[in-house]
N, C-alpha and C. Protein backbone atom coordinates (compact mmCIF):
# COMPACT_ATOMS: atom_id res chain seq x y z
N MET A 1 -14.20 -61.35 -15.93
CA MET A 1 -13.30 -60.26 -16.41
C MET A 1 -13.95 -58.90 -16.14
N SER A 2 -15.23 -58.77 -16.28
CA SER A 2 -15.88 -57.46 -16.10
C SER A 2 -15.83 -57.17 -14.60
N LYS A 3 -15.93 -58.24 -13.65
CA LYS A 3 -15.82 -58.01 -12.31
C LYS A 3 -14.54 -57.55 -11.81
N CYS A 4 -13.40 -58.04 -12.43
CA CYS A 4 -12.04 -57.66 -12.17
C CYS A 4 -11.83 -56.15 -12.71
N ARG A 5 -12.52 -55.92 -14.00
CA ARG A 5 -12.36 -54.44 -14.44
C ARG A 5 -13.02 -53.43 -13.38
N ARG A 6 -14.17 -53.85 -12.87
CA ARG A 6 -14.90 -52.88 -11.93
C ARG A 6 -13.93 -52.78 -10.66
N ILE A 7 -13.39 -53.62 -10.14
CA ILE A 7 -12.49 -53.58 -9.17
C ILE A 7 -11.26 -52.66 -9.37
N LEU A 8 -10.70 -52.99 -10.46
CA LEU A 8 -9.54 -51.92 -10.94
C LEU A 8 -10.00 -50.57 -11.03
N ASN A 9 -11.14 -50.50 -11.68
CA ASN A 9 -11.73 -48.96 -11.73
C ASN A 9 -11.85 -48.42 -10.35
N GLY A 10 -12.54 -49.27 -9.47
CA GLY A 10 -12.71 -48.63 -8.15
C GLY A 10 -11.42 -48.29 -7.36
N ALA A 11 -10.53 -49.23 -7.66
CA ALA A 11 -9.22 -49.12 -6.89
C ALA A 11 -8.59 -47.58 -7.56
N PHE A 12 -8.74 -47.54 -8.70
CA PHE A 12 -8.04 -46.38 -9.32
C PHE A 12 -8.73 -45.12 -8.81
N LEU A 13 -10.05 -45.10 -8.62
CA LEU A 13 -10.75 -43.82 -8.36
C LEU A 13 -10.45 -43.59 -6.77
N VAL A 14 -10.30 -44.62 -5.91
CA VAL A 14 -9.76 -44.51 -4.58
C VAL A 14 -8.38 -43.81 -4.47
N VAL A 15 -7.51 -44.27 -5.28
CA VAL A 15 -6.18 -43.64 -5.41
C VAL A 15 -6.34 -42.25 -5.85
N LEU A 16 -7.04 -41.98 -6.82
CA LEU A 16 -7.15 -40.45 -7.33
C LEU A 16 -7.82 -39.71 -6.24
N VAL A 17 -8.82 -40.22 -5.55
CA VAL A 17 -9.36 -39.25 -4.43
C VAL A 17 -8.27 -39.07 -3.24
N ILE A 18 -7.62 -40.05 -2.91
CA ILE A 18 -6.48 -39.92 -1.97
C ILE A 18 -5.44 -39.01 -2.39
N ALA A 19 -5.05 -39.19 -3.66
CA ALA A 19 -3.94 -38.16 -3.98
C ALA A 19 -4.38 -36.72 -4.14
N SER A 20 -5.67 -36.57 -4.63
CA SER A 20 -6.36 -35.33 -4.65
C SER A 20 -6.28 -34.78 -3.07
N MET A 21 -6.87 -35.47 -2.21
CA MET A 21 -6.80 -35.04 -0.84
C MET A 21 -5.47 -34.62 -0.34
N ALA A 22 -4.30 -35.50 -0.73
CA ALA A 22 -2.95 -35.15 -0.17
C ALA A 22 -2.52 -33.84 -0.78
N ALA A 23 -2.83 -33.63 -2.12
CA ALA A 23 -2.37 -32.41 -2.83
C ALA A 23 -3.04 -31.13 -2.13
N ILE A 24 -4.29 -31.35 -1.93
CA ILE A 24 -4.99 -30.19 -1.00
C ILE A 24 -4.45 -30.01 0.14
N GLY A 25 -3.99 -31.03 0.90
CA GLY A 25 -3.42 -30.78 2.23
C GLY A 25 -2.25 -30.19 2.26
N GLN A 26 -1.37 -30.34 1.17
CA GLN A 26 -0.13 -29.88 0.99
C GLN A 26 -0.06 -28.55 0.53
N GLU A 27 -1.12 -27.93 -0.12
CA GLU A 27 -1.14 -26.65 -0.62
C GLU A 27 -1.19 -25.73 0.55
N LYS A 28 -0.37 -24.70 0.43
CA LYS A 28 -0.31 -23.64 1.53
C LYS A 28 -1.38 -22.65 1.40
N ASN A 29 -2.06 -22.52 2.43
CA ASN A 29 -3.28 -21.60 2.52
C ASN A 29 -3.05 -20.38 3.14
N GLU A 30 -1.86 -20.05 3.80
CA GLU A 30 -1.60 -18.87 4.40
C GLU A 30 -0.30 -18.07 3.87
N LYS A 31 -0.14 -16.86 4.06
CA LYS A 31 1.04 -16.15 3.60
C LYS A 31 1.20 -15.03 4.31
N PHE A 32 2.40 -14.50 4.39
CA PHE A 32 2.73 -13.10 4.85
C PHE A 32 3.58 -12.53 3.72
N VAL A 33 3.22 -11.26 3.38
CA VAL A 33 3.66 -10.55 2.31
C VAL A 33 4.10 -9.14 2.83
N LEU A 34 5.25 -8.61 2.50
CA LEU A 34 5.78 -7.29 2.96
C LEU A 34 5.99 -6.48 1.55
N ASP A 35 5.31 -5.26 1.56
CA ASP A 35 5.46 -4.31 0.30
C ASP A 35 6.27 -3.30 0.51
N PHE A 36 6.95 -2.90 -0.45
CA PHE A 36 7.90 -1.79 -0.50
C PHE A 36 7.34 -0.98 -1.69
N ASP A 37 6.60 0.13 -1.38
CA ASP A 37 6.06 0.81 -2.64
C ASP A 37 6.60 2.24 -2.62
N ARG A 38 6.77 2.64 -3.81
CA ARG A 38 6.82 4.06 -4.15
C ARG A 38 5.41 4.72 -4.15
N SER A 39 5.29 5.93 -3.67
CA SER A 39 3.80 6.38 -3.56
C SER A 39 3.72 7.88 -3.79
N ARG A 40 2.59 8.33 -3.88
CA ARG A 40 2.35 9.82 -3.99
C ARG A 40 1.03 9.95 -3.37
N HIS A 41 1.09 11.16 -2.41
CA HIS A 41 -0.03 11.54 -1.67
C HIS A 41 -0.64 12.70 -2.31
N GLY A 42 -2.02 12.44 -2.63
CA GLY A 42 -2.82 13.49 -3.52
C GLY A 42 -2.81 14.83 -2.89
N THR A 43 -2.97 15.01 -1.60
CA THR A 43 -3.00 16.24 -0.84
C THR A 43 -1.60 17.11 -0.94
N GLY A 44 -1.51 17.86 -1.92
CA GLY A 44 -0.09 18.64 -1.99
C GLY A 44 0.74 17.89 -3.05
N ASP A 45 0.37 16.79 -3.63
CA ASP A 45 1.19 16.16 -4.57
C ASP A 45 2.54 15.78 -4.00
N MET A 46 2.55 15.07 -2.76
CA MET A 46 3.69 14.66 -1.93
C MET A 46 4.25 13.33 -2.43
N ASN A 47 5.41 13.19 -2.65
CA ASN A 47 6.09 11.98 -3.14
C ASN A 47 6.77 11.07 -1.71
N GLY A 48 6.59 9.97 -1.73
CA GLY A 48 7.12 9.18 -0.61
C GLY A 48 7.11 7.71 -0.79
N ILE A 49 6.94 6.97 0.42
CA ILE A 49 6.90 5.45 0.32
C ILE A 49 5.93 5.07 1.23
N ILE A 50 5.49 3.69 0.93
CA ILE A 50 4.54 3.04 1.83
C ILE A 50 5.27 1.66 2.12
N VAL A 51 5.16 1.35 3.36
CA VAL A 51 5.68 -0.12 3.72
C VAL A 51 4.44 -0.72 4.49
N ASN A 52 4.12 -1.89 3.82
CA ASN A 52 2.88 -2.52 4.32
C ASN A 52 3.07 -4.07 4.41
N LEU A 53 2.70 -4.59 5.77
CA LEU A 53 2.92 -5.92 6.02
C LEU A 53 1.52 -6.59 5.97
N GLN A 54 1.22 -7.71 5.21
CA GLN A 54 -0.06 -8.31 5.24
C GLN A 54 -0.06 -9.93 5.40
N TYR A 55 -1.05 -10.17 6.18
CA TYR A 55 -1.28 -11.66 6.36
C TYR A 55 -2.57 -12.02 5.72
N SER A 56 -2.63 -13.19 5.08
CA SER A 56 -4.02 -13.65 4.34
C SER A 56 -4.00 -15.14 4.64
N LYS A 57 -5.20 -15.47 4.40
CA LYS A 57 -5.58 -16.95 4.62
C LYS A 57 -6.71 -17.21 3.67
N ARG A 58 -6.61 -18.40 3.06
CA ARG A 58 -7.58 -18.90 2.11
C ARG A 58 -8.85 -19.42 2.74
N PHE A 59 -10.11 -18.93 2.34
CA PHE A 59 -11.27 -19.67 3.06
C PHE A 59 -12.18 -20.21 1.90
N ALA A 60 -11.95 -19.98 0.64
CA ALA A 60 -12.49 -20.67 -0.45
C ALA A 60 -11.36 -20.94 -1.53
N ARG A 61 -11.84 -21.50 -2.57
CA ARG A 61 -10.87 -21.95 -3.62
C ARG A 61 -10.23 -20.64 -4.14
N ARG A 62 -10.92 -19.63 -4.49
CA ARG A 62 -10.37 -18.47 -5.09
C ARG A 62 -10.46 -17.33 -4.25
N PHE A 63 -10.81 -17.31 -2.97
CA PHE A 63 -10.93 -16.24 -2.00
C PHE A 63 -10.11 -16.43 -0.71
N ASP A 64 -9.59 -15.14 -0.26
CA ASP A 64 -8.84 -15.09 0.90
C ASP A 64 -9.44 -13.99 1.69
N TRP A 65 -9.04 -13.93 3.11
CA TRP A 65 -9.46 -12.74 3.89
C TRP A 65 -8.05 -12.54 4.29
N TYR A 66 -7.83 -11.08 4.42
CA TYR A 66 -6.61 -10.61 4.74
C TYR A 66 -6.65 -9.48 5.83
N GLY A 67 -5.52 -9.21 6.50
CA GLY A 67 -5.42 -8.07 7.50
C GLY A 67 -4.05 -7.57 7.10
N ASP A 68 -3.84 -6.05 7.23
CA ASP A 68 -2.69 -5.46 6.92
C ASP A 68 -2.33 -4.29 7.88
N LEU A 69 -1.10 -3.98 8.00
CA LEU A 69 -0.52 -2.86 8.70
C LEU A 69 0.37 -2.21 7.96
N GLY A 70 0.12 -0.85 7.76
CA GLY A 70 0.97 -0.12 6.91
C GLY A 70 1.40 1.34 7.54
N PHE A 71 2.67 1.62 7.06
CA PHE A 71 3.16 3.01 7.29
C PHE A 71 3.56 3.65 6.20
N SER A 72 3.20 5.06 6.18
CA SER A 72 3.56 5.83 4.95
C SER A 72 4.32 7.10 5.37
N ILE A 73 5.16 7.73 4.52
CA ILE A 73 5.75 8.88 4.84
C ILE A 73 5.97 9.60 3.44
N HIS A 74 5.58 10.88 3.34
CA HIS A 74 5.65 11.76 2.02
C HIS A 74 6.10 13.20 2.51
N ASP A 75 6.91 13.65 1.62
CA ASP A 75 7.38 15.12 1.91
C ASP A 75 7.28 15.90 0.63
N LEU A 76 7.31 17.29 0.91
CA LEU A 76 7.12 18.25 -0.24
C LEU A 76 8.19 19.28 -0.02
N VAL A 77 8.97 19.60 -1.06
CA VAL A 77 10.10 20.68 -0.81
C VAL A 77 9.47 21.77 -1.93
N ARG A 78 9.41 22.85 -1.38
CA ARG A 78 9.13 24.05 -2.18
C ARG A 78 10.24 25.04 -2.12
N LEU A 79 10.87 25.62 -3.37
CA LEU A 79 11.82 26.48 -3.50
C LEU A 79 11.26 27.86 -4.06
N ASN A 80 11.73 28.87 -3.35
CA ASN A 80 11.20 30.30 -3.61
C ASN A 80 12.46 31.16 -3.88
N ASP A 81 12.57 31.49 -5.08
CA ASP A 81 13.79 32.43 -5.46
C ASP A 81 13.10 33.93 -5.70
N ASN A 82 14.00 34.79 -5.53
CA ASN A 82 13.61 36.15 -5.77
C ASN A 82 14.65 36.90 -6.77
N PRO A 83 14.59 36.80 -8.05
CA PRO A 83 15.67 37.23 -8.92
C PRO A 83 15.73 38.93 -8.92
N ASN A 84 14.48 39.54 -8.44
CA ASN A 84 14.29 41.04 -8.40
C ASN A 84 15.01 41.52 -7.09
N ASN A 85 15.34 40.77 -6.27
CA ASN A 85 15.97 41.37 -4.90
C ASN A 85 17.08 42.05 -5.26
N PRO A 86 17.27 43.42 -4.99
CA PRO A 86 18.34 44.11 -5.17
C PRO A 86 19.59 43.79 -4.41
N ALA A 87 19.44 43.13 -3.28
CA ALA A 87 20.52 42.93 -2.36
C ALA A 87 21.31 41.57 -2.86
N LYS A 88 20.53 40.57 -3.10
CA LYS A 88 21.03 39.22 -3.69
C LYS A 88 19.94 38.38 -3.98
N ASN A 89 20.33 37.46 -4.81
CA ASN A 89 19.34 36.41 -5.26
C ASN A 89 19.31 35.25 -4.16
N GLU A 90 18.12 35.35 -3.41
CA GLU A 90 18.27 34.33 -2.36
C GLU A 90 17.19 33.27 -2.70
N ILE A 91 17.50 32.18 -2.37
CA ILE A 91 16.70 30.94 -2.53
C ILE A 91 16.28 30.42 -1.19
N TYR A 92 14.97 30.28 -0.89
CA TYR A 92 14.34 29.94 0.36
C TYR A 92 13.68 28.58 0.10
N GLU A 93 14.03 27.75 0.86
CA GLU A 93 13.50 26.23 0.82
C GLU A 93 12.51 26.01 2.00
N ARG A 94 11.31 25.45 1.67
CA ARG A 94 10.36 24.93 2.60
C ARG A 94 10.04 23.61 2.60
N ARG A 95 10.26 22.88 3.53
CA ARG A 95 9.98 21.42 3.66
C ARG A 95 8.81 21.03 4.55
N TYR A 96 7.87 20.22 3.79
CA TYR A 96 6.60 19.66 4.55
C TYR A 96 6.59 18.31 4.60
N VAL A 97 6.15 17.60 5.57
CA VAL A 97 6.11 16.03 5.94
C VAL A 97 4.68 15.66 6.30
N THR A 98 4.28 14.69 5.75
CA THR A 98 3.08 13.92 6.21
C THR A 98 3.33 12.48 6.39
N ALA A 99 3.03 11.89 7.64
CA ALA A 99 3.18 10.49 7.81
C ALA A 99 2.06 9.94 8.42
N GLY A 100 1.89 8.58 8.18
CA GLY A 100 0.59 8.04 8.74
C GLY A 100 0.83 6.41 9.01
N LEU A 101 0.05 5.98 9.91
CA LEU A 101 -0.02 4.65 10.25
C LEU A 101 -1.45 4.08 10.10
N GLN A 102 -1.65 2.97 9.40
CA GLN A 102 -3.05 2.38 9.23
C GLN A 102 -3.13 1.03 9.27
N LEU A 103 -4.42 0.51 9.57
CA LEU A 103 -4.73 -0.88 9.85
C LEU A 103 -5.89 -1.02 8.93
N GLY A 104 -5.75 -2.37 8.07
CA GLY A 104 -6.83 -2.49 7.25
C GLY A 104 -7.16 -4.08 7.10
N GLY A 105 -8.08 -4.47 6.23
CA GLY A 105 -8.46 -5.79 6.02
C GLY A 105 -9.56 -5.96 5.05
N GLY A 106 -9.84 -7.17 4.54
CA GLY A 106 -10.76 -7.28 3.49
C GLY A 106 -10.83 -8.68 3.01
N ILE A 107 -11.41 -8.80 1.59
CA ILE A 107 -11.55 -9.88 0.90
C ILE A 107 -10.57 -9.68 -0.31
N ALA A 108 -9.90 -10.93 -0.84
CA ALA A 108 -9.15 -10.97 -1.88
C ALA A 108 -9.68 -12.02 -2.74
N PHE A 109 -9.76 -11.62 -4.20
CA PHE A 109 -10.21 -12.58 -5.12
C PHE A 109 -9.02 -12.91 -5.95
N ARG A 110 -8.74 -14.30 -6.08
CA ARG A 110 -7.72 -14.73 -6.91
C ARG A 110 -8.09 -15.42 -8.18
N PRO A 111 -8.22 -14.67 -9.24
CA PRO A 111 -8.64 -15.36 -10.50
C PRO A 111 -7.70 -16.19 -11.11
N ILE A 112 -6.45 -16.04 -10.75
CA ILE A 112 -5.28 -16.94 -11.11
C ILE A 112 -4.63 -17.47 -9.90
N THR A 113 -4.57 -18.69 -9.72
CA THR A 113 -3.92 -19.42 -8.57
C THR A 113 -2.73 -20.39 -9.03
N GLY A 114 -1.98 -20.73 -8.11
CA GLY A 114 -0.77 -21.64 -8.44
C GLY A 114 0.44 -20.83 -8.18
N LYS A 115 1.47 -21.34 -8.80
CA LYS A 115 2.73 -20.60 -8.66
C LYS A 115 2.52 -19.21 -9.15
N ASN A 116 2.00 -18.98 -10.33
CA ASN A 116 1.48 -17.60 -10.52
C ASN A 116 0.19 -17.13 -10.14
N GLU A 117 0.28 -16.29 -9.30
CA GLU A 117 -1.08 -15.79 -8.62
C GLU A 117 -1.34 -14.43 -8.87
N PHE A 118 -2.52 -13.96 -9.07
CA PHE A 118 -3.09 -12.69 -9.26
C PHE A 118 -4.17 -12.47 -8.38
N SER A 119 -3.99 -11.37 -7.58
CA SER A 119 -4.91 -11.14 -6.42
C SER A 119 -5.44 -9.63 -6.52
N ILE A 120 -6.93 -9.55 -6.40
CA ILE A 120 -7.59 -8.22 -6.40
C ILE A 120 -8.18 -8.20 -5.03
N GLN A 121 -7.82 -7.18 -4.24
CA GLN A 121 -8.24 -7.02 -2.87
C GLN A 121 -8.89 -5.71 -2.71
N LEU A 122 -9.84 -5.65 -1.83
CA LEU A 122 -10.60 -4.57 -1.51
C LEU A 122 -11.20 -4.67 0.02
N GLY A 123 -10.99 -3.61 0.69
CA GLY A 123 -11.27 -3.45 1.96
C GLY A 123 -11.29 -2.14 2.70
N PRO A 124 -11.74 -2.11 4.00
CA PRO A 124 -11.75 -0.76 4.67
C PRO A 124 -10.51 -0.66 5.38
N LEU A 125 -10.23 0.58 5.84
CA LEU A 125 -9.06 0.90 6.70
C LEU A 125 -9.18 1.92 7.80
N VAL A 126 -8.57 1.93 8.67
CA VAL A 126 -8.47 3.08 9.68
C VAL A 126 -7.07 3.72 9.65
N ARG A 127 -7.03 4.99 9.60
CA ARG A 127 -5.64 5.73 9.37
C ARG A 127 -5.55 6.75 10.41
N TYR A 128 -4.17 6.81 11.06
CA TYR A 128 -3.80 8.05 11.85
C TYR A 128 -2.73 8.68 11.13
N GLN A 129 -2.94 10.00 10.97
CA GLN A 129 -2.05 10.79 10.18
C GLN A 129 -1.58 12.22 10.92
N SER A 130 -0.23 12.41 10.63
CA SER A 130 0.22 13.83 11.16
C SER A 130 0.82 14.41 9.98
N SER A 131 0.51 15.65 9.96
CA SER A 131 0.97 16.44 8.75
C SER A 131 1.36 17.87 9.17
N SER A 132 2.56 18.47 8.49
CA SER A 132 2.94 19.78 8.70
C SER A 132 2.49 20.60 7.48
N LEU A 133 1.73 20.15 6.57
CA LEU A 133 1.33 20.83 5.34
C LEU A 133 0.43 21.78 5.76
N PRO A 134 0.59 23.18 5.38
CA PRO A 134 -0.31 24.17 5.65
C PRO A 134 -1.39 24.39 4.66
N VAL A 135 -2.49 25.02 5.05
CA VAL A 135 -3.63 25.50 4.24
C VAL A 135 -2.97 26.30 3.06
N SER A 136 -2.01 27.27 3.39
CA SER A 136 -1.65 28.16 2.38
C SER A 136 -0.34 28.81 3.03
N SER A 137 0.48 29.14 2.11
CA SER A 137 2.05 29.79 2.71
C SER A 137 2.38 30.71 1.61
N GLY A 138 3.28 31.45 2.04
CA GLY A 138 3.89 32.41 0.98
C GLY A 138 5.25 33.03 1.76
N ILE A 139 5.85 33.71 0.75
CA ILE A 139 7.25 34.27 1.29
C ILE A 139 7.12 35.95 1.13
N LEU A 140 7.45 36.55 2.16
CA LEU A 140 7.45 38.12 2.04
C LEU A 140 8.90 38.56 2.02
N TYR A 141 9.17 39.27 1.05
CA TYR A 141 10.71 39.60 0.64
C TYR A 141 11.09 40.86 1.27
N PRO A 142 12.47 40.92 1.56
CA PRO A 142 12.79 42.18 2.08
C PRO A 142 12.49 43.60 1.50
N GLU A 143 12.30 43.72 0.24
CA GLU A 143 11.76 44.83 -0.39
C GLU A 143 10.44 45.26 0.08
N PHE A 144 9.70 44.35 0.52
CA PHE A 144 8.36 44.55 0.99
C PHE A 144 8.20 44.87 2.47
N THR A 145 9.05 43.99 3.26
CA THR A 145 8.90 43.97 4.69
C THR A 145 10.05 45.03 5.30
N LYS A 146 11.07 45.48 4.54
CA LYS A 146 11.98 46.24 5.05
C LYS A 146 12.94 45.61 6.11
N LEU A 147 12.69 44.30 6.24
CA LEU A 147 13.64 43.56 7.00
C LEU A 147 14.77 42.91 6.30
N PRO A 148 15.97 42.57 6.92
CA PRO A 148 17.16 41.98 6.31
C PRO A 148 16.92 40.65 5.84
N PHE A 149 15.85 40.08 5.94
CA PHE A 149 15.65 38.65 5.61
C PHE A 149 14.24 38.41 5.20
N MET A 150 14.18 37.25 4.66
CA MET A 150 12.84 36.77 4.02
C MET A 150 11.93 36.28 5.09
N VAL A 151 10.63 36.29 5.19
CA VAL A 151 9.75 35.91 6.01
C VAL A 151 8.83 35.06 5.41
N GLU A 152 8.61 33.87 6.16
CA GLU A 152 7.50 33.04 5.70
C GLU A 152 6.13 33.26 6.40
N GLN A 153 5.17 33.30 5.60
CA GLN A 153 3.77 33.45 6.13
C GLN A 153 3.05 32.11 5.96
N VAL A 154 2.61 31.59 6.98
CA VAL A 154 2.03 30.20 6.99
C VAL A 154 0.53 30.34 7.60
N GLN A 155 -0.49 29.65 6.90
CA GLN A 155 -1.78 29.69 7.43
C GLN A 155 -2.34 28.27 7.58
N HIS A 156 -2.65 27.94 8.80
CA HIS A 156 -3.22 26.56 8.99
C HIS A 156 -4.79 26.67 9.41
N MET A 157 -5.11 27.80 9.83
CA MET A 157 -6.55 27.96 10.04
C MET A 157 -7.08 26.94 10.92
N ASP A 158 -8.26 26.32 10.68
CA ASP A 158 -8.75 25.24 11.51
C ASP A 158 -8.32 23.76 11.10
N GLU A 159 -7.38 23.72 10.34
CA GLU A 159 -6.85 22.49 9.89
C GLU A 159 -6.12 21.71 11.03
N PRO A 160 -6.49 20.38 11.38
CA PRO A 160 -5.73 19.84 12.52
C PRO A 160 -4.51 19.24 11.91
N PHE A 161 -3.38 19.20 12.87
CA PHE A 161 -2.09 18.57 12.46
C PHE A 161 -2.21 17.16 12.54
N ARG A 162 -3.11 16.54 13.43
CA ARG A 162 -3.21 15.02 13.58
C ARG A 162 -4.62 14.69 13.31
N THR A 163 -4.90 13.80 12.48
CA THR A 163 -6.26 13.32 12.14
C THR A 163 -6.29 11.72 12.20
N PHE A 164 -7.65 11.29 12.45
CA PHE A 164 -7.97 9.95 12.57
C PHE A 164 -9.15 9.60 11.69
N ASN A 165 -9.04 8.87 10.62
CA ASN A 165 -10.19 8.68 9.70
C ASN A 165 -10.37 7.28 9.23
N VAL A 166 -11.35 7.03 8.43
CA VAL A 166 -11.70 5.72 7.93
C VAL A 166 -11.71 5.90 6.50
N GLY A 167 -11.39 4.79 5.86
CA GLY A 167 -11.44 4.93 4.30
C GLY A 167 -11.49 3.44 3.70
N ALA A 168 -10.98 3.38 2.42
CA ALA A 168 -11.01 2.08 1.67
C ALA A 168 -9.73 2.11 0.89
N ARG A 169 -9.36 0.83 0.63
CA ARG A 169 -8.32 0.47 -0.16
C ARG A 169 -8.34 -0.66 -1.23
N LEU A 170 -7.87 -0.25 -2.46
CA LEU A 170 -7.88 -1.17 -3.52
C LEU A 170 -6.48 -1.60 -3.87
N ARG A 171 -6.25 -2.89 -3.85
CA ARG A 171 -4.68 -3.38 -4.23
C ARG A 171 -4.76 -4.47 -5.20
N LEU A 172 -3.90 -4.24 -6.06
CA LEU A 172 -3.64 -5.41 -7.15
C LEU A 172 -2.41 -5.96 -7.03
N ALA A 173 -2.24 -7.20 -6.84
CA ALA A 173 -0.91 -7.86 -6.66
C ALA A 173 -0.81 -9.05 -7.58
N TYR A 174 0.55 -9.24 -8.05
CA TYR A 174 1.00 -10.57 -8.70
C TYR A 174 2.14 -11.14 -7.90
N TYR A 175 2.00 -12.53 -7.78
CA TYR A 175 3.01 -13.17 -7.02
C TYR A 175 3.47 -14.44 -7.74
N TYR A 176 4.72 -14.61 -7.57
CA TYR A 176 5.34 -15.90 -8.20
C TYR A 176 5.81 -16.57 -7.07
N THR A 177 5.66 -17.90 -6.80
CA THR A 177 6.14 -18.67 -5.78
C THR A 177 7.36 -19.58 -6.06
N PHE A 178 8.44 -19.39 -5.44
CA PHE A 178 9.60 -20.05 -5.82
C PHE A 178 9.81 -21.37 -4.87
N SER A 179 10.80 -22.02 -4.90
CA SER A 179 11.08 -23.16 -3.99
C SER A 179 11.02 -22.61 -2.57
N ARG A 180 10.71 -23.65 -1.63
CA ARG A 180 10.51 -23.20 -0.18
C ARG A 180 9.54 -22.20 0.04
N ASN A 181 8.63 -22.05 -0.91
CA ASN A 181 7.37 -21.33 -0.68
C ASN A 181 7.84 -19.71 -0.56
N ILE A 182 8.95 -19.21 -1.07
CA ILE A 182 9.33 -17.93 -1.10
C ILE A 182 8.54 -17.15 -2.26
N ILE A 183 7.89 -16.05 -1.84
CA ILE A 183 7.19 -15.25 -2.93
C ILE A 183 7.85 -13.91 -3.15
N ILE A 184 7.94 -13.78 -4.53
CA ILE A 184 8.29 -12.43 -5.10
C ILE A 184 7.12 -11.84 -5.90
N GLY A 185 6.91 -10.72 -5.96
CA GLY A 185 6.06 -10.08 -6.83
C GLY A 185 5.94 -8.58 -6.88
N ALA A 186 4.79 -8.12 -7.43
CA ALA A 186 4.70 -6.66 -7.57
C ALA A 186 3.11 -6.37 -7.22
N ASN A 187 2.88 -4.94 -6.86
CA ASN A 187 1.65 -4.52 -6.57
C ASN A 187 1.39 -3.26 -6.87
N ALA A 188 0.14 -2.81 -6.84
CA ALA A 188 -0.26 -1.39 -7.02
C ALA A 188 -1.43 -1.10 -6.21
N ASN A 189 -1.77 0.04 -5.66
CA ASN A 189 -2.69 0.42 -4.87
C ASN A 189 -3.14 1.80 -4.79
N LEU A 190 -4.38 1.88 -4.35
CA LEU A 190 -5.09 3.17 -4.44
C LEU A 190 -6.00 3.10 -3.09
N GLN A 191 -5.96 4.21 -2.48
CA GLN A 191 -6.69 4.39 -1.21
C GLN A 191 -7.12 5.88 -1.07
N THR A 192 -8.38 5.92 -0.28
CA THR A 192 -8.88 7.44 -0.02
C THR A 192 -9.49 7.24 1.36
N ASP A 193 -9.63 8.35 2.15
CA ASP A 193 -10.30 8.30 3.31
C ASP A 193 -11.19 9.48 3.59
N THR A 194 -11.88 9.49 4.74
CA THR A 194 -12.81 10.69 4.97
C THR A 194 -12.18 11.87 5.29
N TYR A 195 -11.00 11.99 5.35
CA TYR A 195 -10.24 13.45 5.28
C TYR A 195 -10.14 13.95 3.94
N GLY A 196 -10.38 13.14 2.90
CA GLY A 196 -10.20 13.51 1.63
C GLY A 196 -8.88 13.28 0.86
N ASP A 197 -8.01 12.62 1.67
CA ASP A 197 -6.62 12.33 1.09
C ASP A 197 -6.79 11.09 0.15
N VAL A 198 -6.01 11.15 -0.88
CA VAL A 198 -5.87 10.03 -1.89
C VAL A 198 -4.41 9.66 -1.99
N ILE A 199 -4.05 8.43 -1.76
CA ILE A 199 -2.75 7.90 -1.83
C ILE A 199 -2.67 6.76 -2.74
N HIS A 200 -1.79 6.71 -3.81
CA HIS A 200 -1.61 5.60 -4.78
C HIS A 200 -0.19 5.43 -4.84
N GLY A 201 0.05 4.14 -5.13
CA GLY A 201 1.47 3.68 -5.29
C GLY A 201 1.72 2.36 -5.99
N TYR A 202 2.95 1.96 -6.16
CA TYR A 202 3.16 0.64 -6.66
C TYR A 202 4.58 0.26 -6.42
N GLY A 203 4.90 -0.91 -6.22
CA GLY A 203 6.20 -1.47 -5.79
C GLY A 203 6.31 -2.98 -5.89
N LEU A 204 7.33 -3.52 -5.10
CA LEU A 204 7.71 -4.78 -4.93
C LEU A 204 7.26 -5.48 -3.72
N SER A 205 6.86 -6.85 -3.78
CA SER A 205 6.38 -7.61 -2.73
C SER A 205 7.27 -8.73 -2.43
N VAL A 206 7.62 -9.16 -1.32
CA VAL A 206 8.26 -10.42 -0.89
C VAL A 206 7.57 -11.06 0.32
N GLY A 207 7.55 -12.40 0.21
CA GLY A 207 6.82 -12.99 1.39
C GLY A 207 7.10 -14.41 1.38
N LYS A 208 6.31 -15.20 2.20
CA LYS A 208 6.36 -16.64 2.43
C LYS A 208 5.14 -17.23 2.69
N ARG A 209 4.89 -18.31 1.93
CA ARG A 209 3.74 -19.21 2.16
C ARG A 209 3.82 -20.07 3.27
N PHE A 210 2.93 -20.68 3.99
CA PHE A 210 3.10 -21.68 5.10
C PHE A 210 1.60 -22.31 5.41
């Protein structure tokens, strides 16, 4: 009887190991995620969006490595009115735009795994940026210039219109995996670079495991 029990216990252990290996083999270790974020560019407090595509792959039980490609665009509108203008109350609108393309990567720690997943990501990035934002600007009104129209005074000094910088990015993400390995989630992110720009945002994530 004891020999039969040992055989049954051994058989149960083998079945358990095989089932565990099969479960691990079926678990999806890779995923693509696309972020649509509302964001704010700290330089000039410009509002805009970030779209980011990320690929990640698990290399340990709670760790992934990832690479991502992102695009951002932010704009700023400044209105200047002159109620003291004796001719008429004129409103002058100035618009500035900053756009960037960036490539990043790093390590993601997943303290919560499974259908509900939480990910903490940190890594370096390189960013190309083009901006029309001046160092300073102002409006000169007709009562001072004696011209029949307002004049904008813009100073760019030695500030470049295009920059190429390195930086770092922190991203927090929550994912829920539906049937067919479809991912829906939310994220928040913060980044800075050697040019001194700070960009932060939050939004929705969609993706797929495979």
